[in-house]
Amino acid sequence: MIRQDLKKNLVGMNREFRYRGEEQTRVETFSDAVFALAITLLIVSTEVPDRFEDMKLFVIDIIPFGLCIALIIYIWYEHYLFFIRYGFRNRYIVLLNTALLFFVLLYVYPLKFLAKLAISV
């Protein structure tokens, strides 16, 4: 749904470039689901606060959480631009896309801890 609105309004698109991937493919739909799952894993990994002190720590953790979501959304947006610009539909691109999605899911938890560490320093 978001992807269709972006395409319709030409968000991030250069009007002088001939776009080849205007139809959404199954690879893109699957990729969108994996990016959504990565953000869901960030949310699920947070603990429900039991005390007021834990609630304060939770509020402080909102900043690293926002940074992690911003990084995932940036990768998703570049992924979107790649597929709409070039519209590749071959085995090599599917393999590379699978590797990208694997690494996105693999680094969700370390990304959250690194963001917390960067904010605390």
PDB file of N, CA and C in Angstrom:
ATOM      1  N   MET A   1       0.815  -1.183   0.000  1.00  0.00           N
ATOM      2  CA  MET A   1       0.000   0.000   0.000  1.00  0.00           C
ATOM      3  C   MET A   1       0.867   1.258   0.000  1.00  0.00           C
ATOM      4  N   ILE A   2       1.853   1.304   0.887  1.00  0.00           N
ATOM      5  CA  ILE A   2       2.751   2.458   0.928  1.00  0.00           C
ATOM      6  C   ILE A   2       3.535   2.538  -0.372  1.00  0.00           C
ATOM      7  N   ARG A   3       3.974   1.384  -0.858  1.00  0.00           N
ATOM      8  CA  ARG A   3       4.750   1.332  -2.098  1.00  0.00           C
ATOM      9  C   ARG A   3       3.949   1.898  -3.260  1.00  0.00           C
ATOM     10  N   GLN A   4       2.665   1.575  -3.338  1.00  0.00           N
ATOM     11  CA  GLN A   4       1.823   2.079  -4.429  1.00  0.00           C
ATOM     12  C   GLN A   4       1.661   3.588  -4.344  1.00  0.00           C
ATOM     13  N   ASP A   5       1.493   4.122  -3.129  1.00  0.00           N
ATOM     14  CA  ASP A   5       1.384   5.582  -2.966  1.00  0.00           C
ATOM     15  C   ASP A   5       2.677   6.283  -3.347  1.00  0.00           C
ATOM     16  N   LEU A   6       3.818   5.683  -2.993  1.00  0.00           N
ATOM     17  CA  LEU A   6       5.106   6.272  -3.368  1.00  0.00           C
ATOM     18  C   LEU A   6       5.250   6.314  -4.886  1.00  0.00           C
ATOM     19  N   LYS A   7       4.877   5.221  -5.546  1.00  0.00           N
ATOM     20  CA  LYS A   7       4.985   5.172  -7.009  1.00  0.00           C
ATOM     21  C   LYS A   7       4.035   6.161  -7.666  1.00  0.00           C
ATOM     22  N   LYS A   8       2.824   6.257  -7.149  1.00  0.00           N
ATOM     23  CA  LYS A   8       1.816   7.129  -7.746  1.00  0.00           C
ATOM     24  C   LYS A   8       2.235   8.599  -7.652  1.00  0.00           C
ATOM     25  N   ASN A   9       2.848   8.979  -6.532  1.00  0.00           N
ATOM     26  CA  ASN A   9       3.261  10.367  -6.322  1.00  0.00           C
ATOM     27  C   ASN A   9       4.694  10.637  -6.754  1.00  0.00           C
ATOM     28  N   LEU A  10       5.346   9.642  -7.362  1.00  0.00           N
ATOM     29  CA  LEU A  10       6.727   9.759  -7.846  1.00  0.00           C
ATOM     30  C   LEU A  10       7.700  10.174  -6.754  1.00  0.00           C
ATOM     31  N   VAL A  11       7.503   9.666  -5.540  1.00  0.00           N
ATOM     32  CA  VAL A  11       8.383   9.994  -4.419  1.00  0.00           C
ATOM     33  C   VAL A  11       9.731   9.330  -4.642  1.00  0.00           C
ATOM     34  N   GLY A  12      10.791  10.109  -4.564  1.00  0.00           N
ATOM     35  CA  GLY A  12      12.146   9.600  -4.725  1.00  0.00           C
ATOM     36  C   GLY A  12      12.523   9.280  -6.156  1.00  0.00           C
ATOM     37  N   MET A  13      11.681   9.657  -7.088  1.00  0.00           N
ATOM     38  CA  MET A  13      11.933   9.309  -8.475  1.00  0.00           C
ATOM     39  C   MET A  13      12.411  10.524  -9.260  1.00  0.00           C
ATOM     40  N   ASN A  14      13.319  10.273 -10.167  1.00  0.00           N
ATOM     41  CA  ASN A  14      13.813  11.296 -11.068  1.00  0.00           C
ATOM     42  C   ASN A  14      12.936  11.267 -12.315  1.00  0.00           C
ATOM     43  N   ARG A  15      12.315  12.366 -12.642  1.00  0.00           N
ATOM     44  CA  ARG A  15      11.380  12.398 -13.768  1.00  0.00           C
ATOM     45  C   ARG A  15      12.078  12.215 -15.114  1.00  0.00           C
ATOM     46  N   GLU A  16      13.407  12.354 -15.148  1.00  0.00           N
ATOM     47  CA  GLU A  16      14.147  12.193 -16.392  1.00  0.00           C
ATOM     48  C   GLU A  16      14.627  10.755 -16.603  1.00  0.00           C
ATOM     49  N   PHE A  17      14.383   9.897 -15.660  1.00  0.00           N
ATOM     50  CA  PHE A  17      14.840   8.508 -15.722  1.00  0.00           C
ATOM     51  C   PHE A  17      13.675   7.624 -16.163  1.00  0.00           C
ATOM     52  N   ARG A  18      13.928   6.676 -17.057  1.00  0.00           N
ATOM     53  CA  ARG A  18      12.880   5.752 -17.508  1.00  0.00           C
ATOM     54  C   ARG A  18      12.843   4.554 -16.555  1.00  0.00           C
ATOM     55  N   TYR A  19      11.778   4.463 -15.797  1.00  0.00           N
ATOM     56  CA  TYR A  19      11.653   3.404 -14.806  1.00  0.00           C
ATOM     57  C   TYR A  19      11.157   2.124 -15.458  1.00  0.00           C
ATOM     58  N   ARG A  20      11.721   1.005 -14.996  1.00  0.00           N
ATOM     59  CA  ARG A  20      11.424  -0.275 -15.619  1.00  0.00           C
ATOM     60  C   ARG A  20      10.628  -1.203 -14.718  1.00  0.00           C
ATOM     61  N   GLY A  21      10.570  -0.930 -13.456  1.00  0.00           N
ATOM     62  CA  GLY A  21       9.935  -1.858 -12.523  1.00  0.00           C
ATOM     63  C   GLY A  21       8.697  -1.302 -11.875  1.00  0.00           C
ATOM     64  N   GLU A  22       7.753  -0.850 -12.656  1.00  0.00           N
ATOM     65  CA  GLU A  22       6.569  -0.230 -12.077  1.00  0.00           C
ATOM     66  C   GLU A  22       5.591  -1.242 -11.488  1.00  0.00           C
ATOM     67  N   GLU A  23       5.635  -2.470 -11.954  1.00  0.00           N
ATOM     68  CA  GLU A  23       4.772  -3.517 -11.402  1.00  0.00           C
ATOM     69  C   GLU A  23       5.472  -4.139 -10.202  1.00  0.00           C
ATOM     70  N   GLN A  24       4.748  -4.280  -9.114  1.00  0.00           N
ATOM     71  CA  GLN A  24       5.334  -4.886  -7.930  1.00  0.00           C
ATOM     72  C   GLN A  24       5.418  -6.395  -8.121  1.00  0.00           C
ATOM     73  N   THR A  25       6.591  -6.947  -7.833  1.00  0.00           N
ATOM     74  CA  THR A  25       6.815  -8.379  -8.022  1.00  0.00           C
ATOM     75  C   THR A  25       6.644  -9.120  -6.697  1.00  0.00           C
ATOM     76  N   ARG A  26       6.652 -10.420  -6.791  1.00  0.00           N
ATOM     77  CA  ARG A  26       6.558 -11.246  -5.584  1.00  0.00           C
ATOM     78  C   ARG A  26       7.797 -11.070  -4.709  1.00  0.00           C
ATOM     79  N   VAL A  27       8.941 -10.847  -5.344  1.00  0.00           N
ATOM     80  CA  VAL A  27      10.173 -10.631  -4.581  1.00  0.00           C
ATOM     81  C   VAL A  27      10.055  -9.368  -3.745  1.00  0.00           C
ATOM     82  N   GLU A  28       9.513  -8.313  -4.324  1.00  0.00           N
ATOM     83  CA  GLU A  28       9.338  -7.065  -3.584  1.00  0.00           C
ATOM     84  C   GLU A  28       8.319  -7.221  -2.456  1.00  0.00           C
ATOM     85  N   THR A  29       7.251  -7.927  -2.714  1.00  0.00           N
ATOM     86  CA  THR A  29       6.230  -8.138  -1.688  1.00  0.00           C
ATOM     87  C   THR A  29       6.802  -8.944  -0.524  1.00  0.00           C
ATOM     88  N   PHE A  30       7.547  -9.994  -0.848  1.00  0.00           N
ATOM     89  CA  PHE A  30       8.199 -10.788   0.190  1.00  0.00           C
ATOM     90  C   PHE A  30       9.197  -9.938   0.971  1.00  0.00           C
ATOM     91  N   SER A  31       9.944  -9.103   0.260  1.00  0.00           N
ATOM     92  CA  SER A  31      10.934  -8.240   0.914  1.00  0.00           C
ATOM     93  C   SER A  31      10.262  -7.255   1.859  1.00  0.00           C
ATOM     94  N   ASP A  32       9.135  -6.688   1.425  1.00  0.00           N
ATOM     95  CA  ASP A  32       8.391  -5.780   2.306  1.00  0.00           C
ATOM     96  C   ASP A  32       7.978  -6.495   3.592  1.00  0.00           C
ATOM     97  N   ALA A  33       7.533  -7.741   3.458  1.00  0.00           N
ATOM     98  CA  ALA A  33       7.132  -8.516   4.635  1.00  0.00           C
ATOM     99  C   ALA A  33       8.315  -8.770   5.560  1.00  0.00           C
ATOM    100  N   VAL A  34       9.483  -9.024   4.993  1.00  0.00           N
ATOM    101  CA  VAL A  34      10.673  -9.275   5.823  1.00  0.00           C
ATOM    102  C   VAL A  34      11.101  -7.994   6.541  1.00  0.00           C
ATOM    103  N   PHE A  35      11.044  -6.864   5.864  1.00  0.00           N
ATOM    104  CA  PHE A  35      11.375  -5.605   6.534  1.00  0.00           C
ATOM    105  C   PHE A  35      10.384  -5.315   7.659  1.00  0.00           C
ATOM    106  N   ALA A  36       9.109  -5.597   7.434  1.00  0.00           N
ATOM    107  CA  ALA A  36       8.112  -5.424   8.491  1.00  0.00           C
ATOM    108  C   ALA A  36       8.386  -6.368   9.658  1.00  0.00           C
ATOM    109  N   LEU A  37       8.794  -7.589   9.356  1.00  0.00           N
ATOM    110  CA  LEU A  37       9.144  -8.544  10.403  1.00  0.00           C
ATOM    111  C   LEU A  37      10.352  -8.066  11.205  1.00  0.00           C
ATOM    112  N   ALA A  38      11.325  -7.467  10.535  1.00  0.00           N
ATOM    113  CA  ALA A  38      12.503  -6.952  11.239  1.00  0.00           C
ATOM    114  C   ALA A  38      12.104  -5.867  12.239  1.00  0.00           C
ATOM    115  N   ILE A  39      11.215  -4.981  11.829  1.00  0.00           N
ATOM    116  CA  ILE A  39      10.753  -3.936  12.753  1.00  0.00           C
ATOM    117  C   ILE A  39       9.936  -4.559  13.877  1.00  0.00           C
ATOM    118  N   THR A  40       9.142  -5.567  13.562  1.00  0.00           N
ATOM    119  CA  THR A  40       8.377  -6.265  14.600  1.00  0.00           C
ATOM    120  C   THR A  40       9.301  -6.935  15.606  1.00  0.00           C
ATOM    121  N   LEU A  41      10.399  -7.519  15.128  1.00  0.00           N
ATOM    122  CA  LEU A  41      11.361  -8.131  16.047  1.00  0.00           C
ATOM    123  C   LEU A  41      11.982  -7.102  16.980  1.00  0.00           C
ATOM    124  N   LEU A  42      12.181  -5.895  16.491  1.00  0.00           N
ATOM    125  CA  LEU A  42      12.679  -4.828  17.374  1.00  0.00           C
ATOM    126  C   LEU A  42      11.671  -4.519  18.473  1.00  0.00           C
ATOM    127  N   ILE A  43      10.414  -4.475  18.104  1.00  0.00           N
ATOM    128  CA  ILE A  43       9.366  -4.151  19.073  1.00  0.00           C
ATOM    129  C   ILE A  43       9.198  -5.277  20.083  1.00  0.00           C
ATOM    130  N   VAL A  44       9.195  -6.512  19.608  1.00  0.00           N
ATOM    131  CA  VAL A  44       8.981  -7.662  20.486  1.00  0.00           C
ATOM    132  C   VAL A  44      10.138  -7.836  21.455  1.00  0.00           C
ATOM    133  N   SER A  45      11.316  -7.421  21.066  1.00  0.00           N
ATOM    134  CA  SER A  45      12.484  -7.621  21.923  1.00  0.00           C
ATOM    135  C   SER A  45      12.496  -6.685  23.128  1.00  0.00           C
ATOM    136  N   THR A  46      11.614  -5.704  23.166  1.00  0.00           N
ATOM    137  CA  THR A  46      11.555  -4.819  24.334  1.00  0.00           C
ATOM    138  C   THR A  46      10.745  -5.484  25.434  1.00  0.00           C
ATOM    139  N   GLU A  47      11.139  -5.233  26.646  1.00  0.00           N
ATOM    140  CA  GLU A  47      10.454  -5.819  27.794  1.00  0.00           C
ATOM    141  C   GLU A  47       9.426  -4.850  28.346  1.00  0.00           C
ATOM    142  N   VAL A  48       8.362  -5.386  28.886  1.00  0.00           N
ATOM    143  CA  VAL A  48       7.333  -4.555  29.510  1.00  0.00           C
ATOM    144  C   VAL A  48       7.857  -4.118  30.865  1.00  0.00           C
ATOM    145  N   PRO A  49       7.833  -2.803  31.143  1.00  0.00           N
ATOM    146  CA  PRO A  49       8.365  -2.328  32.430  1.00  0.00           C
ATOM    147  C   PRO A  49       7.469  -2.759  33.600  1.00  0.00           C
ATOM    148  N   ASP A  50       8.115  -3.157  34.707  1.00  0.00           N
ATOM    149  CA  ASP A  50       7.402  -3.559  35.920  1.00  0.00           C
ATOM    150  C   ASP A  50       7.351  -2.442  36.951  1.00  0.00           C
ATOM    151  N   ARG A  51       8.374  -1.621  36.972  1.00  0.00           N
ATOM    152  CA  ARG A  51       8.460  -0.546  37.969  1.00  0.00           C
ATOM    153  C   ARG A  51       8.626   0.791  37.257  1.00  0.00           C
ATOM    154  N   PHE A  52       8.524   1.868  38.011  1.00  0.00           N
ATOM    155  CA  PHE A  52       8.660   3.200  37.433  1.00  0.00           C
ATOM    156  C   PHE A  52      10.073   3.438  36.915  1.00  0.00           C
ATOM    157  N   GLU A  53      11.078   2.899  37.592  1.00  0.00           N
ATOM    158  CA  GLU A  53      12.460   3.042  37.131  1.00  0.00           C
ATOM    159  C   GLU A  53      12.655   2.345  35.783  1.00  0.00           C
ATOM    160  N   ASP A  54      11.994   1.195  35.635  1.00  0.00           N
ATOM    161  CA  ASP A  54      12.060   0.502  34.350  1.00  0.00           C
ATOM    162  C   ASP A  54      11.375   1.315  33.254  1.00  0.00           C
ATOM    163  N   MET A  55      10.328   2.026  33.631  1.00  0.00           N
ATOM    164  CA  MET A  55       9.623   2.875  32.661  1.00  0.00           C
ATOM    165  C   MET A  55      10.520   4.021  32.193  1.00  0.00           C
ATOM    166  N   LYS A  56      11.302   4.583  33.111  1.00  0.00           N
ATOM    167  CA  LYS A  56      12.243   5.635  32.723  1.00  0.00           C
ATOM    168  C   LYS A  56      13.277   5.097  31.737  1.00  0.00           C
ATOM    169  N   LEU A  57      13.790   3.907  32.018  1.00  0.00           N
ATOM    170  CA  LEU A  57      14.752   3.292  31.106  1.00  0.00           C
ATOM    171  C   LEU A  57      14.120   2.997  29.747  1.00  0.00           C
ATOM    172  N   PHE A  58      12.852   2.604  29.766  1.00  0.00           N
ATOM    173  CA  PHE A  58      12.144   2.343  28.517  1.00  0.00           C
ATOM    174  C   PHE A  58      12.026   3.614  27.674  1.00  0.00           C
ATOM    175  N   VAL A  59      11.738   4.731  28.325  1.00  0.00           N
ATOM    176  CA  VAL A  59      11.629   6.003  27.609  1.00  0.00           C
ATOM    177  C   VAL A  59      12.982   6.400  27.021  1.00  0.00           C
ATOM    178  N   ILE A  60      14.050   6.146  27.740  1.00  0.00           N
ATOM    179  CA  ILE A  60      15.389   6.438  27.230  1.00  0.00           C
ATOM    180  C   ILE A  60      15.710   5.548  26.028  1.00  0.00           C
ATOM    181  N   ASP A  61      15.196   4.313  26.044  1.00  0.00           N
ATOM    182  CA  ASP A  61      15.449   3.376  24.945  1.00  0.00           C
ATOM    183  C   ASP A  61      14.672   3.721  23.674  1.00  0.00           C
ATOM    184  N   ILE A  62      13.790   4.687  23.740  1.00  0.00           N
ATOM    185  CA  ILE A  62      13.037   5.077  22.545  1.00  0.00           C
ATOM    186  C   ILE A  62      13.968   5.666  21.485  1.00  0.00           C
ATOM    187  N   ILE A  63      14.990   6.379  21.892  1.00  0.00           N
ATOM    188  CA  ILE A  63      15.914   6.998  20.935  1.00  0.00           C
ATOM    189  C   ILE A  63      16.668   5.937  20.126  1.00  0.00           C
ATOM    190  N   PRO A  64      17.309   4.942  20.767  1.00  0.00           N
ATOM    191  CA  PRO A  64      17.959   3.897  19.953  1.00  0.00           C
ATOM    192  C   PRO A  64      16.963   3.106  19.110  1.00  0.00           C
ATOM    193  N   PHE A  65      15.766   2.887  19.647  1.00  0.00           N
ATOM    194  CA  PHE A  65      14.737   2.183  18.903  1.00  0.00           C
ATOM    195  C   PHE A  65      14.372   2.967  17.640  1.00  0.00           C
ATOM    196  N   GLY A  66      14.222   4.264  17.766  1.00  0.00           N
ATOM    197  CA  GLY A  66      13.935   5.111  16.602  1.00  0.00           C
ATOM    198  C   GLY A  66      15.066   5.100  15.585  1.00  0.00           C
ATOM    199  N   LEU A  67      16.307   5.105  16.069  1.00  0.00           N
ATOM    200  CA  LEU A  67      17.453   5.020  15.159  1.00  0.00           C
ATOM    201  C   LEU A  67      17.462   3.707  14.389  1.00  0.00           C
ATOM    202  N   CYS A  68      17.154   2.615  15.067  1.00  0.00           N
ATOM    203  CA  CYS A  68      17.114   1.308  14.409  1.00  0.00           C
ATOM    204  C   CYS A  68      16.033   1.275  13.336  1.00  0.00           C
ATOM    205  N   ILE A  69      14.866   1.791  13.660  1.00  0.00           N
ATOM    206  CA  ILE A  69      13.783   1.820  12.665  1.00  0.00           C
ATOM    207  C   ILE A  69      14.169   2.708  11.497  1.00  0.00           C
ATOM    208  N   ALA A  70      14.818   3.837  11.769  1.00  0.00           N
ATOM    209  CA  ALA A  70      15.239   4.723  10.681  1.00  0.00           C
ATOM    210  C   ALA A  70      16.232   4.021   9.755  1.00  0.00           C
ATOM    211  N   LEU A  71      17.167   3.260  10.309  1.00  0.00           N
ATOM    212  CA  LEU A  71      18.129   2.537   9.482  1.00  0.00           C
ATOM    213  C   LEU A  71      17.445   1.453   8.644  1.00  0.00           C
ATOM    214  N   ILE A  72      16.509   0.737   9.235  1.00  0.00           N
ATOM    215  CA  ILE A  72      15.793  -0.304   8.487  1.00  0.00           C
ATOM    216  C   ILE A  72      14.950   0.316   7.386  1.00  0.00           C
ATOM    217  N   ILE A  73      14.294   1.421   7.677  1.00  0.00           N
ATOM    218  CA  ILE A  73      13.479   2.102   6.670  1.00  0.00           C
ATOM    219  C   ILE A  73      14.365   2.647   5.551  1.00  0.00           C
ATOM    220  N   TYR A  74      15.556   3.122   5.884  1.00  0.00           N
ATOM    221  CA  TYR A  74      16.475   3.600   4.850  1.00  0.00           C
ATOM    222  C   TYR A  74      16.868   2.463   3.898  1.00  0.00           C
ATOM    223  N   ILE A  75      17.191   1.303   4.468  1.00  0.00           N
ATOM    224  CA  ILE A  75      17.535   0.150   3.624  1.00  0.00           C
ATOM    225  C   ILE A  75      16.337  -0.248   2.773  1.00  0.00           C
ATOM    226  N   TRP A  76      15.134  -0.252   3.367  1.00  0.00           N
ATOM    227  CA  TRP A  76      13.927  -0.586   2.617  1.00  0.00           C
ATOM    228  C   TRP A  76      13.710   0.394   1.461  1.00  0.00           C
ATOM    229  N   TYR A  77      13.916   1.677   1.719  1.00  0.00           N
ATOM    230  CA  TYR A  77      13.691   2.697   0.695  1.00  0.00           C
ATOM    231  C   TYR A  77      14.676   2.541  -0.460  1.00  0.00           C
ATOM    232  N   GLU A  78      15.936   2.272  -0.160  1.00  0.00           N
ATOM    233  CA  GLU A  78      16.921   2.040  -1.221  1.00  0.00           C
ATOM    234  C   GLU A  78      16.576   0.774  -2.010  1.00  0.00           C
ATOM    235  N   HIS A  79      16.080  -0.223  -1.321  1.00  0.00           N
ATOM    236  CA  HIS A  79      15.629  -1.456  -1.965  1.00  0.00           C
ATOM    237  C   HIS A  79      14.476  -1.140  -2.920  1.00  0.00           C
ATOM    238  N   TYR A  80      13.537  -0.357  -2.464  1.00  0.00           N
ATOM    239  CA  TYR A  80      12.400   0.069  -3.290  1.00  0.00           C
ATOM    240  C   TYR A  80      12.871   0.806  -4.540  1.00  0.00           C
ATOM    241  N   LEU A  81      13.796   1.748  -4.359  1.00  0.00           N
ATOM    242  CA  LEU A  81      14.298   2.515  -5.506  1.00  0.00           C
ATOM    243  C   LEU A  81      15.026   1.623  -6.509  1.00  0.00           C
ATOM    244  N   PHE A  82      15.802   0.665  -6.016  1.00  0.00           N
ATOM    245  CA  PHE A  82      16.514  -0.247  -6.907  1.00  0.00           C
ATOM    246  C   PHE A  82      15.538  -1.019  -7.793  1.00  0.00           C
ATOM    247  N   PHE A  83      14.512  -1.600  -7.166  1.00  0.00           N
ATOM    248  CA  PHE A  83      13.596  -2.426  -7.939  1.00  0.00           C
ATOM    249  C   PHE A  83      12.726  -1.605  -8.882  1.00  0.00           C
ATOM    250  N   ILE A  84      12.377  -0.389  -8.506  1.00  0.00           N
ATOM    251  CA  ILE A  84      11.552   0.409  -9.422  1.00  0.00           C
ATOM    252  C   ILE A  84      12.398   0.989 -10.560  1.00  0.00           C
ATOM    253  N   ARG A  85      13.666   1.265 -10.302  1.00  0.00           N
ATOM    254  CA  ARG A  85      14.513   1.801 -11.365  1.00  0.00           C
ATOM    255  C   ARG A  85      14.874   0.748 -12.398  1.00  0.00           C
ATOM    256  N   TYR A  86      15.232  -0.422 -11.935  1.00  0.00           N
ATOM    257  CA  TYR A  86      15.800  -1.406 -12.849  1.00  0.00           C
ATOM    258  C   TYR A  86      14.879  -2.581 -13.155  1.00  0.00           C
ATOM    259  N   GLY A  87      13.985  -2.934 -12.250  1.00  0.00           N
ATOM    260  CA  GLY A  87      13.004  -3.969 -12.513  1.00  0.00           C
ATOM    261  C   GLY A  87      13.580  -5.331 -12.861  1.00  0.00           C
ATOM    262  N   PHE A  88      14.723  -5.676 -12.296  1.00  0.00           N
ATOM    263  CA  PHE A  88      15.325  -6.979 -12.577  1.00  0.00           C
ATOM    264  C   PHE A  88      14.449  -8.098 -12.033  1.00  0.00           C
ATOM    265  N   ARG A  89      14.379  -9.172 -12.784  1.00  0.00           N
ATOM    266  CA  ARG A  89      13.615 -10.344 -12.358  1.00  0.00           C
ATOM    267  C   ARG A  89      14.369 -11.615 -12.764  1.00  0.00           C
ATOM    268  N   ASN A  90      15.587 -11.754 -12.278  1.00  0.00           N
ATOM    269  CA  ASN A  90      16.334 -12.963 -12.619  1.00  0.00           C
ATOM    270  C   ASN A  90      16.838 -13.643 -11.341  1.00  0.00           C
ATOM    271  N   ARG A  91      17.396 -14.821 -11.497  1.00  0.00           N
ATOM    272  CA  ARG A  91      17.826 -15.613 -10.344  1.00  0.00           C
ATOM    273  C   ARG A  91      18.919 -14.935  -9.546  1.00  0.00           C
ATOM    274  N   TYR A  92      19.818 -14.264 -10.232  1.00  0.00           N
ATOM    275  CA  TYR A  92      20.932 -13.605  -9.544  1.00  0.00           C
ATOM    276  C   TYR A  92      20.417 -12.511  -8.598  1.00  0.00           C
ATOM    277  N   ILE A  93      19.480 -11.707  -9.057  1.00  0.00           N
ATOM    278  CA  ILE A  93      18.926 -10.638  -8.222  1.00  0.00           C
ATOM    279  C   ILE A  93      18.130 -11.228  -7.064  1.00  0.00           C
ATOM    280  N   VAL A  94      17.393 -12.306  -7.319  1.00  0.00           N
ATOM    281  CA  VAL A  94      16.645 -12.959  -6.234  1.00  0.00           C
ATOM    282  C   VAL A  94      17.619 -13.501  -5.187  1.00  0.00           C
ATOM    283  N   LEU A  95      18.732 -14.067  -5.616  1.00  0.00           N
ATOM    284  CA  LEU A  95      19.738 -14.568  -4.686  1.00  0.00           C
ATOM    285  C   LEU A  95      20.349 -13.428  -3.867  1.00  0.00           C
ATOM    286  N   LEU A  96      20.709 -12.335  -4.524  1.00  0.00           N
ATOM    287  CA  LEU A  96      21.260 -11.183  -3.806  1.00  0.00           C
ATOM    288  C   LEU A  96      20.234 -10.587  -2.849  1.00  0.00           C
ATOM    289  N   ASN A  97      18.984 -10.530  -3.280  1.00  0.00           N
ATOM    290  CA  ASN A  97      17.922 -10.006  -2.432  1.00  0.00           C
ATOM    291  C   ASN A  97      17.734 -10.896  -1.205  1.00  0.00           C
ATOM    292  N   THR A  98      17.805 -12.199  -1.391  1.00  0.00           N
ATOM    293  CA  THR A  98      17.686 -13.133  -0.272  1.00  0.00           C
ATOM    294  C   THR A  98      18.831 -12.929   0.718  1.00  0.00           C
ATOM    295  N   ALA A  99      20.031 -12.721   0.209  1.00  0.00           N
ATOM    296  CA  ALA A  99      21.178 -12.462   1.093  1.00  0.00           C
ATOM    297  C   ALA A  99      20.971 -11.162   1.873  1.00  0.00           C
ATOM    298  N   LEU A 100      20.477 -10.128   1.201  1.00  0.00           N
ATOM    299  CA  LEU A 100      20.203  -8.862   1.891  1.00  0.00           C
ATOM    300  C   LEU A 100      19.188  -9.065   3.004  1.00  0.00           C
ATOM    301  N   LEU A 101      18.106  -9.762   2.718  1.00  0.00           N
ATOM    302  CA  LEU A 101      17.068  -9.983   3.722  1.00  0.00           C
ATOM    303  C   LEU A 101      17.592 -10.828   4.879  1.00  0.00           C
ATOM    304  N   PHE A 102      18.436 -11.792   4.575  1.00  0.00           N
ATOM    305  CA  PHE A 102      19.053 -12.597   5.631  1.00  0.00           C
ATOM    306  C   PHE A 102      19.860 -11.715   6.577  1.00  0.00           C
ATOM    307  N   PHE A 103      20.666 -10.824   6.023  1.00  0.00           N
ATOM    308  CA  PHE A 103      21.491  -9.964   6.863  1.00  0.00           C
ATOM    309  C   PHE A 103      20.666  -8.922   7.616  1.00  0.00           C
ATOM    310  N   VAL A 104      19.594  -8.458   7.018  1.00  0.00           N
ATOM    311  CA  VAL A 104      18.714  -7.519   7.736  1.00  0.00           C
ATOM    312  C   VAL A 104      18.147  -8.204   8.973  1.00  0.00           C
ATOM    313  N   LEU A 105      17.636  -9.419   8.811  1.00  0.00           N
ATOM    314  CA  LEU A 105      17.073 -10.138   9.958  1.00  0.00           C
ATOM    315  C   LEU A 105      18.149 -10.558  10.956  1.00  0.00           C
ATOM    316  N   LEU A 106      19.325 -10.905  10.456  1.00  0.00           N
ATOM    317  CA  LEU A 106      20.410 -11.335  11.328  1.00  0.00           C
ATOM    318  C   LEU A 106      20.894 -10.194  12.225  1.00  0.00           C
ATOM    319  N   TYR A 107      20.922  -8.989  11.695  1.00  0.00           N
ATOM    320  CA  TYR A 107      21.490  -7.862  12.436  1.00  0.00           C
ATOM    321  C   TYR A 107      20.463  -6.999  13.150  1.00  0.00           C
ATOM    322  N   VAL A 108      19.233  -7.454  13.263  1.00  0.00           N
ATOM    323  CA  VAL A 108      18.226  -6.648  13.965  1.00  0.00           C
ATOM    324  C   VAL A 108      18.590  -6.497  15.442  1.00  0.00           C
ATOM    325  N   TYR A 109      18.845  -7.596  16.118  1.00  0.00           N
ATOM    326  CA  TYR A 109      19.170  -7.511  17.548  1.00  0.00           C
ATOM    327  C   TYR A 109      20.501  -6.817  17.806  1.00  0.00           C
ATOM    328  N   PRO A 110      21.589  -7.181  17.109  1.00  0.00           N
ATOM    329  CA  PRO A 110      22.837  -6.441  17.348  1.00  0.00           C
ATOM    330  C   PRO A 110      22.705  -4.952  17.039  1.00  0.00           C
ATOM    331  N   LEU A 111      21.907  -4.614  16.044  1.00  0.00           N
ATOM    332  CA  LEU A 111      21.706  -3.205  15.715  1.00  0.00           C
ATOM    333  C   LEU A 111      21.080  -2.458  16.881  1.00  0.00           C
ATOM    334  N   LYS A 112      20.119  -3.092  17.519  1.00  0.00           N
ATOM    335  CA  LYS A 112      19.464  -2.452  18.666  1.00  0.00           C
ATOM    336  C   LYS A 112      20.460  -2.234  19.804  1.00  0.00           C
ATOM    337  N   PHE A 113      21.277  -3.232  20.095  1.00  0.00           N
ATOM    338  CA  PHE A 113      22.250  -3.083  21.171  1.00  0.00           C
ATOM    339  C   PHE A 113      23.333  -2.063  20.818  1.00  0.00           C
ATOM    340  N   LEU A 114      23.759  -2.024  19.564  1.00  0.00           N
ATOM    341  CA  LEU A 114      24.740  -1.020  19.149  1.00  0.00           C
ATOM    342  C   LEU A 114      24.172   0.387  19.230  1.00  0.00           C
ATOM    343  N   ALA A 115      22.905   0.532  18.867  1.00  0.00           N
ATOM    344  CA  ALA A 115      22.272   1.857  18.977  1.00  0.00           C
ATOM    345  C   ALA A 115      22.170   2.289  20.435  1.00  0.00           C
ATOM    346  N   LYS A 116      21.825   1.351  21.324  1.00  0.00           N
ATOM    347  CA  LYS A 116      21.786   1.685  22.756  1.00  0.00           C
ATOM    348  C   LYS A 116      23.178   2.093  23.256  1.00  0.00           C
ATOM    349  N   LEU A 117      24.196   1.363  22.797  1.00  0.00           N
ATOM    350  CA  LEU A 117      25.565   1.672  23.211  1.00  0.00           C
ATOM    351  C   LEU A 117      25.993   3.038  22.676  1.00  0.00           C
ATOM    352  N   ALA A 118      25.643   3.355  21.450  1.00  0.00           N
ATOM    353  CA  ALA A 118      26.016   4.646  20.863  1.00  0.00           C
ATOM    354  C   ALA A 118      25.338   5.804  21.573  1.00  0.00           C
ATOM    355  N   ILE A 119      24.116   5.611  21.997  1.00  0.00           N
ATOM    356  CA  ILE A 119      23.385   6.673  22.707  1.00  0.00           C
ATOM    357  C   ILE A 119      23.922   6.849  24.122  1.00  0.00           C
ATOM    358  N   SER A 120      24.314   5.756  24.770  1.00  0.00           N
ATOM    359  CA  SER A 120      24.782   5.843  26.157  1.00  0.00           C
ATOM    360  C   SER A 120      26.176   6.424  26.293  1.00  0.00           C
ATOM    361  N   VAL A 121      26.963   6.412  25.211  1.00  0.00           N
ATOM    362  CA  VAL A 121      28.338   6.911  25.285  1.00  0.00           C
ATOM    363  C   VAL A 121      28.379   8.409  25.214  1.00  0.00           C
TER     364      VAL A 121
END
